[in-house]
């Protein structure tokens, strides 16, 4: 397994599962809070375009490496349509690169 996408609504345990997975494997953990919190500090509010661009840049750069990792994607009501589009793009990108992918919907 090269890559795990964990997605689900807010507060269902994505972070808990991701941390446990990181401790038991060599996968790196990339989660929404790593993007949301700096944007909140800089903008003083939830600024979705900045969060999405940050996530996309990191994901695209990650694809250029041979690293293994897990991404936690939040599918709350506010961003569910965009997260679905992003999820499909991530899955296509990973498959094109020949990466082994596992998805978990919590």
PDB file of N, CA and C in Angstrom:
ATOM      1  N   UNK A   1       0.855  -1.172   0.000  1.00  0.00           N
ATOM      2  CA  UNK A   1       0.000   0.000   0.000  1.00  0.00           C
ATOM      3  C   UNK A   1       0.900   1.234   0.000  1.00  0.00           C
ATOM      4  N   UNK A   2       0.750   2.088  -0.994  1.00  0.00           N
ATOM      5  CA  UNK A   2       1.530   3.317  -1.096  1.00  0.00           C
ATOM      6  C   UNK A   2       0.819   4.512  -0.491  1.00  0.00           C
ATOM      7  N   UNK A   3      -0.472   4.509  -0.593  1.00  0.00           N
ATOM      8  CA  UNK A   3      -1.216   5.727  -0.314  1.00  0.00           C
ATOM      9  C   UNK A   3      -2.601   5.382   0.209  1.00  0.00           C
ATOM     10  N   UNK A   4      -3.026   6.073   1.239  1.00  0.00           N
ATOM     11  CA  UNK A   4      -4.358   5.861   1.811  1.00  0.00           C
ATOM     12  C   UNK A   4      -5.092   7.186   1.803  1.00  0.00           C
ATOM     13  N   UNK A   5      -6.277   7.206   1.257  1.00  0.00           N
ATOM     14  CA  UNK A   5      -7.155   8.372   1.339  1.00  0.00           C
ATOM     15  C   UNK A   5      -8.249   8.045   2.342  1.00  0.00           C
ATOM     16  N   UNK A   6      -8.309   8.808   3.413  1.00  0.00           N
ATOM     17  CA  UNK A   6      -9.333   8.610   4.439  1.00  0.00           C
ATOM     18  C   UNK A   6     -10.259   9.814   4.369  1.00  0.00           C
ATOM     19  N   UNK A   7     -11.532   9.560   4.145  1.00  0.00           N
ATOM     20  CA  UNK A   7     -12.446  10.695   4.047  1.00  0.00           C
ATOM     21  C   UNK A   7     -13.723  10.404   4.800  1.00  0.00           C
ATOM     22  N   UNK A   8     -14.405  11.461   5.181  1.00  0.00           N
ATOM     23  CA  UNK A   8     -15.650  11.322   5.927  1.00  0.00           C
ATOM     24  C   UNK A   8     -16.053  12.650   6.536  1.00  0.00           C
ATOM     25  N   UNK A   9     -17.198  12.676   7.149  1.00  0.00           N
ATOM     26  CA  UNK A   9     -17.713  13.894   7.771  1.00  0.00           C
ATOM     27  C   UNK A   9     -16.837  14.307   8.941  1.00  0.00           C
ATOM     28  N   UNK A  10     -17.080  15.503   9.419  1.00  0.00           N
ATOM     29  CA  UNK A  10     -16.336  16.028  10.566  1.00  0.00           C
ATOM     30  C   UNK A  10     -16.556  15.156  11.794  1.00  0.00           C
ATOM     31  N   UNK A  11     -15.497  14.998  12.573  1.00  0.00           N
ATOM     32  CA  UNK A  11     -15.535  14.341  13.890  1.00  0.00           C
ATOM     33  C   UNK A  11     -15.963  12.872  13.859  1.00  0.00           C
ATOM     34  N   UNK A  12     -15.601  12.143  12.786  1.00  0.00           N
ATOM     35  CA  UNK A  12     -15.934  10.717  12.742  1.00  0.00           C
ATOM     36  C   UNK A  12     -14.747   9.823  13.083  1.00  0.00           C
ATOM     37  N   UNK A  13     -13.555  10.435  13.274  1.00  0.00           N
ATOM     38  CA  UNK A  13     -12.391   9.658  13.666  1.00  0.00           C
ATOM     39  C   UNK A  13     -11.304   9.536  12.621  1.00  0.00           C
ATOM     40  N   UNK A  14     -11.341  10.362  11.595  1.00  0.00           N
ATOM     41  CA  UNK A  14     -10.316  10.294  10.547  1.00  0.00           C
ATOM     42  C   UNK A  14      -8.912  10.495  11.130  1.00  0.00           C
ATOM     43  N   UNK A  15      -8.767  11.501  11.982  1.00  0.00           N
ATOM     44  CA  UNK A  15      -7.465  11.811  12.561  1.00  0.00           C
ATOM     45  C   UNK A  15      -6.986  10.664  13.450  1.00  0.00           C
ATOM     46  N   UNK A  16      -7.873  10.097  14.224  1.00  0.00           N
ATOM     47  CA  UNK A  16      -7.521   8.979  15.106  1.00  0.00           C
ATOM     48  C   UNK A  16      -7.030   7.790  14.282  1.00  0.00           C
ATOM     49  N   UNK A  17      -7.766   7.458  13.236  1.00  0.00           N
ATOM     50  CA  UNK A  17      -7.368   6.345  12.363  1.00  0.00           C
ATOM     51  C   UNK A  17      -6.044   6.664  11.677  1.00  0.00           C
ATOM     52  N   UNK A  18      -5.902   7.894  11.184  1.00  0.00           N
ATOM     53  CA  UNK A  18      -4.669   8.295  10.502  1.00  0.00           C
ATOM     54  C   UNK A  18      -3.454   8.214  11.402  1.00  0.00           C
ATOM     55  N   UNK A  19      -3.588   8.683  12.641  1.00  0.00           N
ATOM     56  CA  UNK A  19      -2.467   8.627  13.586  1.00  0.00           C
ATOM     57  C   UNK A  19      -2.099   7.181  13.913  1.00  0.00           C
ATOM     58  N   UNK A  20      -3.102   6.334  14.107  1.00  0.00           N
ATOM     59  CA  UNK A  20      -2.838   4.924  14.394  1.00  0.00           C
ATOM     60  C   UNK A  20      -2.156   4.261  13.195  1.00  0.00           C
ATOM     61  N   UNK A  21      -2.613   4.582  12.008  1.00  0.00           N
ATOM     62  CA  UNK A  21      -2.021   4.033  10.788  1.00  0.00           C
ATOM     63  C   UNK A  21      -0.567   4.480  10.648  1.00  0.00           C
ATOM     64  N   UNK A  22      -0.297   5.741  10.964  1.00  0.00           N
ATOM     65  CA  UNK A  22       1.057   6.271  10.879  1.00  0.00           C
ATOM     66  C   UNK A  22       1.987   5.557  11.867  1.00  0.00           C
ATOM     67  N   UNK A  23       1.486   5.287  13.063  1.00  0.00           N
ATOM     68  CA  UNK A  23       2.296   4.622  14.081  1.00  0.00           C
ATOM     69  C   UNK A  23       2.619   3.175  13.714  1.00  0.00           C
ATOM     70  N   UNK A  24       1.732   2.520  12.960  1.00  0.00           N
ATOM     71  CA  UNK A  24       1.919   1.102  12.653  1.00  0.00           C
ATOM     72  C   UNK A  24       2.536   0.844  11.283  1.00  0.00           C
ATOM     73  N   UNK A  25       2.699   1.891  10.489  1.00  0.00           N
ATOM     74  CA  UNK A  25       3.256   1.739   9.138  1.00  0.00           C
ATOM     75  C   UNK A  25       4.325   2.798   8.927  1.00  0.00           C
ATOM     76  N   UNK A  26       4.854   2.849   7.747  1.00  0.00           N
ATOM     77  CA  UNK A  26       5.819   3.899   7.389  1.00  0.00           C
ATOM     78  C   UNK A  26       5.142   5.046   6.646  1.00  0.00           C
ATOM     79  N   UNK A  27       3.841   5.068   6.641  1.00  0.00           N
ATOM     80  CA  UNK A  27       3.110   6.121   5.939  1.00  0.00           C
ATOM     81  C   UNK A  27       3.234   7.446   6.675  1.00  0.00           C
ATOM     82  N   UNK A  28       3.333   8.518   5.931  1.00  0.00           N
ATOM     83  CA  UNK A  28       3.307   9.865   6.476  1.00  0.00           C
ATOM     84  C   UNK A  28       1.854  10.306   6.566  1.00  0.00           C
ATOM     85  N   UNK A  29       1.573  11.225   7.460  1.00  0.00           N
ATOM     86  CA  UNK A  29       0.196  11.680   7.655  1.00  0.00           C
ATOM     87  C   UNK A  29       0.061  13.136   7.231  1.00  0.00           C
ATOM     88  N   UNK A  30      -0.848  13.398   6.328  1.00  0.00           N
ATOM     89  CA  UNK A  30      -1.172  14.748   5.892  1.00  0.00           C
ATOM     90  C   UNK A  30      -2.658  14.940   6.132  1.00  0.00           C
ATOM     91  N   UNK A  31      -3.016  15.872   6.995  1.00  0.00           N
ATOM     92  CA  UNK A  31      -4.422  16.034   7.352  1.00  0.00           C
ATOM     93  C   UNK A  31      -4.874  17.479   7.189  1.00  0.00           C
ATOM     94  N   UNK A  32      -6.177  17.671   7.159  1.00  0.00           N
ATOM     95  CA  UNK A  32      -6.772  18.986   6.907  1.00  0.00           C
ATOM     96  C   UNK A  32      -6.286  20.071   7.850  1.00  0.00           C
ATOM     97  N   UNK A  33      -6.045  19.728   9.098  1.00  0.00           N
ATOM     98  CA  UNK A  33      -5.634  20.746  10.068  1.00  0.00           C
ATOM     99  C   UNK A  33      -4.297  21.375   9.691  1.00  0.00           C
ATOM    100  N   UNK A  34      -3.466  20.645   8.963  1.00  0.00           N
ATOM    101  CA  UNK A  34      -2.172  21.181   8.538  1.00  0.00           C
ATOM    102  C   UNK A  34      -2.352  22.322   7.537  1.00  0.00           C
ATOM    103  N   UNK A  35      -3.501  22.371   6.860  1.00  0.00           N
ATOM    104  CA  UNK A  35      -3.781  23.442   5.905  1.00  0.00           C
ATOM    105  C   UNK A  35      -4.702  24.496   6.495  1.00  0.00           C
ATOM    106  N   UNK A  36      -5.688  24.049   7.252  1.00  0.00           N
ATOM    107  CA  UNK A  36      -6.712  24.954   7.768  1.00  0.00           C
ATOM    108  C   UNK A  36      -6.140  25.911   8.810  1.00  0.00           C
ATOM    109  N   UNK A  37      -5.373  25.401   9.762  1.00  0.00           N
ATOM    110  CA  UNK A  37      -4.899  26.241  10.867  1.00  0.00           C
ATOM    111  C   UNK A  37      -3.994  27.386  10.414  1.00  0.00           C
ATOM    112  N   UNK A  38      -3.012  27.164   9.512  1.00  0.00           N
ATOM    113  CA  UNK A  38      -2.226  28.315   9.050  1.00  0.00           C
ATOM    114  C   UNK A  38      -3.077  29.357   8.306  1.00  0.00           C
ATOM    115  N   UNK A  39      -4.042  28.885   7.519  1.00  0.00           N
ATOM    116  CA  UNK A  39      -4.910  29.814   6.792  1.00  0.00           C
ATOM    117  C   UNK A  39      -5.757  30.626   7.776  1.00  0.00           C
ATOM    118  N   UNK A  40      -6.263  29.988   8.816  1.00  0.00           N
ATOM    119  CA  UNK A  40      -7.023  30.709   9.838  1.00  0.00           C
ATOM    120  C   UNK A  40      -6.156  31.780  10.505  1.00  0.00           C
ATOM    121  N   UNK A  41      -4.898  31.442  10.790  1.00  0.00           N
ATOM    122  CA  UNK A  41      -3.987  32.400  11.414  1.00  0.00           C
ATOM    123  C   UNK A  41      -3.731  33.594  10.505  1.00  0.00           C
ATOM    124  N   UNK A  42      -3.531  33.328   9.226  1.00  0.00           N
ATOM    125  CA  UNK A  42      -3.187  34.394   8.278  1.00  0.00           C
ATOM    126  C   UNK A  42      -4.397  35.247   7.906  1.00  0.00           C
ATOM    127  N   UNK A  43      -5.526  34.588   7.585  1.00  0.00           N
ATOM    128  CA  UNK A  43      -6.714  35.311   7.112  1.00  0.00           C
ATOM    129  C   UNK A  43      -7.669  35.693   8.241  1.00  0.00           C
ATOM    130  N   UNK A  44      -7.556  35.034   9.383  1.00  0.00           N
ATOM    131  CA  UNK A  44      -8.463  35.311  10.484  1.00  0.00           C
ATOM    132  C   UNK A  44      -9.845  34.713  10.283  1.00  0.00           C
ATOM    133  N   UNK A  45      -9.977  33.885   9.265  1.00  0.00           N
ATOM    134  CA  UNK A  45     -11.258  33.228   8.966  1.00  0.00           C
ATOM    135  C   UNK A  45     -10.998  32.018   8.078  1.00  0.00           C
ATOM    136  N   UNK A  46     -12.024  31.207   7.912  1.00  0.00           N
ATOM    137  CA  UNK A  46     -11.958  30.025   7.049  1.00  0.00           C
ATOM    138  C   UNK A  46     -12.006  30.512   5.600  1.00  0.00           C
ATOM    139  N   UNK A  47     -10.874  30.433   4.907  1.00  0.00           N
ATOM    140  CA  UNK A  47     -10.770  30.925   3.535  1.00  0.00           C
ATOM    141  C   UNK A  47     -10.553  29.715   2.619  1.00  0.00           C
ATOM    142  N   UNK A  48     -11.660  29.165   2.127  1.00  0.00           N
ATOM    143  CA  UNK A  48     -11.631  27.908   1.376  1.00  0.00           C
ATOM    144  C   UNK A  48     -10.695  27.925   0.171  1.00  0.00           C
ATOM    145  N   UNK A  49     -10.672  28.981  -0.649  1.00  0.00           N
ATOM    146  CA  UNK A  49      -9.752  28.949  -1.804  1.00  0.00           C
ATOM    147  C   UNK A  49      -8.288  28.759  -1.400  1.00  0.00           C
ATOM    148  N   UNK A  50      -7.854  29.426  -0.331  1.00  0.00           N
ATOM    149  CA  UNK A  50      -6.461  29.276   0.120  1.00  0.00           C
ATOM    150  C   UNK A  50      -6.209  27.867   0.644  1.00  0.00           C
ATOM    151  N   UNK A  51      -7.179  27.303   1.353  1.00  0.00           N
ATOM    152  CA  UNK A  51      -7.034  25.944   1.882  1.00  0.00           C
ATOM    153  C   UNK A  51      -6.929  24.937   0.741  1.00  0.00           C
ATOM    154  N   UNK A  52      -7.801  25.070  -0.252  1.00  0.00           N
ATOM    155  CA  UNK A  52      -7.790  24.140  -1.378  1.00  0.00           C
ATOM    156  C   UNK A  52      -6.502  24.245  -2.183  1.00  0.00           C
ATOM    157  N   UNK A  53      -6.020  25.466  -2.421  1.00  0.00           N
ATOM    158  CA  UNK A  53      -4.780  25.641  -3.183  1.00  0.00           C
ATOM    159  C   UNK A  53      -3.592  25.050  -2.432  1.00  0.00           C
ATOM    160  N   UNK A  54      -3.556  25.264  -1.129  1.00  0.00           N
ATOM    161  CA  UNK A  54      -2.478  24.708  -0.310  1.00  0.00           C
ATOM    162  C   UNK A  54      -2.483  23.191  -0.395  1.00  0.00           C
ATOM    163  N   UNK A  55      -3.654  22.594  -0.233  1.00  0.00           N
ATOM    164  CA  UNK A  55      -3.782  21.137  -0.294  1.00  0.00           C
ATOM    165  C   UNK A  55      -3.360  20.616  -1.668  1.00  0.00           C
ATOM    166  N   UNK A  56      -3.785  21.300  -2.738  1.00  0.00           N
ATOM    167  CA  UNK A  56      -3.453  20.848  -4.085  1.00  0.00           C
ATOM    168  C   UNK A  56      -1.957  20.921  -4.368  1.00  0.00           C
ATOM    169  N   UNK A  57      -1.315  21.998  -3.932  1.00  0.00           N
ATOM    170  CA  UNK A  57       0.133  22.138  -4.152  1.00  0.00           C
ATOM    171  C   UNK A  57       0.880  21.014  -3.444  1.00  0.00           C
ATOM    172  N   UNK A  58       0.528  20.763  -2.203  1.00  0.00           N
ATOM    173  CA  UNK A  58       1.207  19.710  -1.440  1.00  0.00           C
ATOM    174  C   UNK A  58       0.955  18.352  -2.073  1.00  0.00           C
ATOM    175  N   UNK A  59      -0.284  18.067  -2.459  1.00  0.00           N
ATOM    176  CA  UNK A  59      -0.595  16.779  -3.087  1.00  0.00           C
ATOM    177  C   UNK A  59       0.180  16.618  -4.400  1.00  0.00           C
ATOM    178  N   UNK A  60       0.173  17.661  -5.236  1.00  0.00           N
ATOM    179  CA  UNK A  60       0.866  17.575  -6.525  1.00  0.00           C
ATOM    180  C   UNK A  60       2.365  17.359  -6.342  1.00  0.00           C
ATOM    181  N   UNK A  61       2.968  18.032  -5.374  1.00  0.00           N
ATOM    182  CA  UNK A  61       4.389  17.844  -5.106  1.00  0.00           C
ATOM    183  C   UNK A  61       4.657  16.452  -4.535  1.00  0.00           C
ATOM    184  N   UNK A  62       3.742  15.972  -3.700  1.00  0.00           N
ATOM    185  CA  UNK A  62       3.874  14.628  -3.133  1.00  0.00           C
ATOM    186  C   UNK A  62       3.888  13.576  -4.243  1.00  0.00           C
ATOM    187  N   UNK A  63       3.047  13.771  -5.260  1.00  0.00           N
ATOM    188  CA  UNK A  63       2.984  12.820  -6.372  1.00  0.00           C
ATOM    189  C   UNK A  63       4.304  12.717  -7.132  1.00  0.00           C
ATOM    190  N   UNK A  64       5.107  13.756  -7.097  1.00  0.00           N
ATOM    191  CA  UNK A  64       6.380  13.760  -7.810  1.00  0.00           C
ATOM    192  C   UNK A  64       7.449  12.941  -7.087  1.00  0.00           C
ATOM    193  N   UNK A  65       7.157  12.523  -5.861  1.00  0.00           N
ATOM    194  CA  UNK A  65       8.119  11.757  -5.075  1.00  0.00           C
ATOM    195  C   UNK A  65       7.733  10.283  -5.065  1.00  0.00           C
ATOM    196  N   UNK A  66       8.555   9.483  -4.438  1.00  0.00           N
ATOM    197  CA  UNK A  66       8.246   8.069  -4.242  1.00  0.00           C
ATOM    198  C   UNK A  66       7.817   7.799  -2.812  1.00  0.00           C
ATOM    199  N   UNK A  67       7.522   8.864  -2.062  1.00  0.00           N
ATOM    200  CA  UNK A  67       7.119   8.684  -0.675  1.00  0.00           C
ATOM    201  C   UNK A  67       5.755   8.027  -0.581  1.00  0.00           C
ATOM    202  N   UNK A  68       5.542   7.375   0.549  1.00  0.00           N
ATOM    203  CA  UNK A  68       4.249   6.771   0.838  1.00  0.00           C
ATOM    204  C   UNK A  68       3.563   7.633   1.876  1.00  0.00           C
ATOM    205  N   UNK A  69       2.236   7.667   1.856  1.00  0.00           N
ATOM    206  CA  UNK A  69       1.572   8.521   2.827  1.00  0.00           C
ATOM    207  C   UNK A  69       0.077   8.339   2.866  1.00  0.00           C
ATOM    208  N   UNK A  70      -0.550   9.054   3.772  1.00  0.00           N
ATOM    209  CA  UNK A  70      -1.999   9.030   3.873  1.00  0.00           C
ATOM    210  C   UNK A  70      -2.504  10.457   3.943  1.00  0.00           C
ATOM    211  N   UNK A  71      -3.586  10.701   3.264  1.00  0.00           N
ATOM    212  CA  UNK A  71      -4.241  12.001   3.267  1.00  0.00           C
ATOM    213  C   UNK A  71      -5.594  11.839   3.935  1.00  0.00           C
ATOM    214  N   UNK A  72      -5.929  12.720   4.842  1.00  0.00           N
ATOM    215  CA  UNK A  72      -7.235  12.718   5.475  1.00  0.00           C
ATOM    216  C   UNK A  72      -8.048  13.831   4.842  1.00  0.00           C
ATOM    217  N   UNK A  73      -9.156  13.480   4.254  1.00  0.00           N
ATOM    218  CA  UNK A  73      -9.994  14.462   3.571  1.00  0.00           C
ATOM    219  C   UNK A  73     -11.322  14.605   4.295  1.00  0.00           C
ATOM    220  N   UNK A  74     -11.681  15.826   4.627  1.00  0.00           N
ATOM    221  CA  UNK A  74     -12.938  16.072   5.307  1.00  0.00           C
ATOM    222  C   UNK A  74     -14.036  16.319   4.281  1.00  0.00           C
ATOM    223  N   UNK A  75     -15.154  15.674   4.462  1.00  0.00           N
ATOM    224  CA  UNK A  75     -16.284  15.835   3.543  1.00  0.00           C
ATOM    225  C   UNK A  75     -17.477  16.449   4.263  1.00  0.00           C
ATOM    226  N   UNK A  76     -17.255  17.494   5.006  1.00  0.00           N
ATOM    227  CA  UNK A  76     -18.350  18.170   5.682  1.00  0.00           C
ATOM    228  C   UNK A  76     -19.304  18.795   4.683  1.00  0.00           C
ATOM    229  N   UNK A  77     -20.471  19.198   5.128  1.00  0.00           N
ATOM    230  CA  UNK A  77     -21.488  19.758   4.231  1.00  0.00           C
ATOM    231  C   UNK A  77     -20.975  20.940   3.420  1.00  0.00           C
ATOM    232  N   UNK A  78     -20.156  21.793   4.035  1.00  0.00           N
ATOM    233  CA  UNK A  78     -19.681  23.005   3.373  1.00  0.00           C
ATOM    234  C   UNK A  78     -18.831  22.704   2.151  1.00  0.00           C
ATOM    235  N   UNK A  79     -18.017  21.664   2.204  1.00  0.00           N
ATOM    236  CA  UNK A  79     -17.081  21.402   1.119  1.00  0.00           C
ATOM    237  C   UNK A  79     -17.301  20.054   0.447  1.00  0.00           C
ATOM    238  N   UNK A  80     -18.440  19.426   0.658  1.00  0.00           N
ATOM    239  CA  UNK A  80     -18.623  18.059   0.160  1.00  0.00           C
ATOM    240  C   UNK A  80     -18.528  17.962  -1.359  1.00  0.00           C
ATOM    241  N   UNK A  81     -19.101  18.918  -2.108  1.00  0.00           N
ATOM    242  CA  UNK A  81     -19.036  18.864  -3.566  1.00  0.00           C
ATOM    243  C   UNK A  81     -17.592  19.015  -4.037  1.00  0.00           C
ATOM    244  N   UNK A  82     -16.884  20.015  -3.493  1.00  0.00           N
ATOM    245  CA  UNK A  82     -15.495  20.234  -3.869  1.00  0.00           C
ATOM    246  C   UNK A  82     -14.618  19.072  -3.447  1.00  0.00           C
ATOM    247  N   UNK A  83     -14.873  18.491  -2.275  1.00  0.00           N
ATOM    248  CA  UNK A  83     -14.070  17.368  -1.811  1.00  0.00           C
ATOM    249  C   UNK A  83     -14.272  16.170  -2.726  1.00  0.00           C
ATOM    250  N   UNK A  84     -15.503  15.956  -3.193  1.00  0.00           N
ATOM    251  CA  UNK A  84     -15.769  14.864  -4.128  1.00  0.00           C
ATOM    252  C   UNK A  84     -15.005  15.042  -5.428  1.00  0.00           C
ATOM    253  N   UNK A  85     -14.983  16.257  -5.953  1.00  0.00           N
ATOM    254  CA  UNK A  85     -14.236  16.553  -7.179  1.00  0.00           C
ATOM    255  C   UNK A  85     -12.743  16.336  -6.935  1.00  0.00           C
ATOM    256  N   UNK A  86     -12.245  16.860  -5.822  1.00  0.00           N
ATOM    257  CA  UNK A  86     -10.842  16.723  -5.481  1.00  0.00           C
ATOM    258  C   UNK A  86     -10.471  15.250  -5.298  1.00  0.00           C
ATOM    259  N   UNK A  87     -11.337  14.497  -4.613  1.00  0.00           N
ATOM    260  CA  UNK A  87     -11.090  13.077  -4.377  1.00  0.00           C
ATOM    261  C   UNK A  87     -10.938  12.330  -5.699  1.00  0.00           C
ATOM    262  N   UNK A  88     -11.832  12.592  -6.644  1.00  0.00           N
ATOM    263  CA  UNK A  88     -11.738  11.927  -7.950  1.00  0.00           C
ATOM    264  C   UNK A  88     -10.438  12.307  -8.661  1.00  0.00           C
ATOM    265  N   UNK A  89     -10.052  13.579  -8.584  1.00  0.00           N
ATOM    266  CA  UNK A  89      -8.809  14.013  -9.213  1.00  0.00           C
ATOM    267  C   UNK A  89      -7.612  13.318  -8.577  1.00  0.00           C
ATOM    268  N   UNK A  90      -7.605  13.211  -7.247  1.00  0.00           N
ATOM    269  CA  UNK A  90      -6.512  12.544  -6.548  1.00  0.00           C
ATOM    270  C   UNK A  90      -6.434  11.080  -6.954  1.00  0.00           C
ATOM    271  N   UNK A  91      -7.579  10.410  -7.001  1.00  0.00           N
ATOM    272  CA  UNK A  91      -7.584   8.985  -7.354  1.00  0.00           C
ATOM    273  C   UNK A  91      -7.066   8.777  -8.770  1.00  0.00           C
ATOM    274  N   UNK A  92      -7.495   9.587  -9.716  1.00  0.00           N
ATOM    275  CA  UNK A  92      -7.032   9.474 -11.104  1.00  0.00           C
ATOM    276  C   UNK A  92      -5.533   9.722 -11.167  1.00  0.00           C
ATOM    277  N   UNK A  93      -5.053  10.765 -10.479  1.00  0.00           N
ATOM    278  CA  UNK A  93      -3.625  11.093 -10.483  1.00  0.00           C
ATOM    279  C   UNK A  93      -2.796   9.950  -9.922  1.00  0.00           C
ATOM    280  N   UNK A  94      -3.258   9.359  -8.831  1.00  0.00           N
ATOM    281  CA  UNK A  94      -2.518   8.257  -8.210  1.00  0.00           C
ATOM    282  C   UNK A  94      -2.484   7.035  -9.119  1.00  0.00           C
ATOM    283  N   UNK A  95      -3.597   6.724  -9.741  1.00  0.00           N
ATOM    284  CA  UNK A  95      -3.650   5.543 -10.622  1.00  0.00           C
ATOM    285  C   UNK A  95      -2.770   5.748 -11.853  1.00  0.00           C
ATOM    286  N   UNK A  96      -2.774   6.970 -12.395  1.00  0.00           N
ATOM    287  CA  UNK A  96      -1.926   7.262 -13.551  1.00  0.00           C
ATOM    288  C   UNK A  96      -0.458   7.066 -13.184  1.00  0.00           C
ATOM    289  N   UNK A  97      -0.083   7.423 -11.965  1.00  0.00           N
ATOM    290  CA  UNK A  97       1.292   7.270 -11.499  1.00  0.00           C
ATOM    291  C   UNK A  97       1.608   5.834 -11.098  1.00  0.00           C
ATOM    292  N   UNK A  98       0.613   4.935 -11.139  1.00  0.00           N
ATOM    293  CA  UNK A  98       0.829   3.543 -10.788  1.00  0.00           C
ATOM    294  C   UNK A  98       0.982   3.311  -9.292  1.00  0.00           C
ATOM    295  N   UNK A  99       0.460   4.206  -8.479  1.00  0.00           N
ATOM    296  CA  UNK A  99       0.563   4.077  -7.020  1.00  0.00           C
ATOM    297  C   UNK A  99      -0.522   3.133  -6.507  1.00  0.00           C
ATOM    298  N   UNK A 100      -0.211   2.356  -5.496  1.00  0.00           N
ATOM    299  CA  UNK A 100      -1.187   1.474  -4.861  1.00  0.00           C
ATOM    300  C   UNK A 100      -2.009   2.315  -3.887  1.00  0.00           C
ATOM    301  N   UNK A 101      -3.316   2.323  -4.064  1.00  0.00           N
ATOM    302  CA  UNK A 101      -4.168   3.215  -3.291  1.00  0.00           C
ATOM    303  C   UNK A 101      -5.227   2.410  -2.530  1.00  0.00           C
ATOM    304  N   UNK A 102      -5.454   2.809  -1.294  1.00  0.00           N
ATOM    305  CA  UNK A 102      -6.537   2.284  -0.491  1.00  0.00           C
ATOM    306  C   UNK A 102      -7.384   3.460  -0.040  1.00  0.00           C
ATOM    307  N   UNK A 103      -8.701   3.307  -0.077  1.00  0.00           N
ATOM    308  CA  UNK A 103      -9.562   4.398   0.389  1.00  0.00           C
ATOM    309  C   UNK A 103     -10.429   3.890   1.533  1.00  0.00           C
ATOM    310  N   UNK A 104     -10.634   4.747   2.500  1.00  0.00           N
ATOM    311  CA  UNK A 104     -11.514   4.453   3.641  1.00  0.00           C
ATOM    312  C   UNK A 104     -12.487   5.590   3.792  1.00  0.00           C
ATOM    313  N   UNK A 105     -13.764   5.261   3.821  1.00  0.00           N
ATOM    314  CA  UNK A 105     -14.790   6.265   4.073  1.00  0.00           C
ATOM    315  C   UNK A 105     -15.313   6.028   5.478  1.00  0.00           C
ATOM    316  N   UNK A 106     -15.068   6.978   6.382  1.00  0.00           N
ATOM    317  CA  UNK A 106     -15.509   6.851   7.780  1.00  0.00           C
ATOM    318  C   UNK A 106     -16.817   7.573   7.964  1.00  0.00           C
TER     319      UNK A 106
END
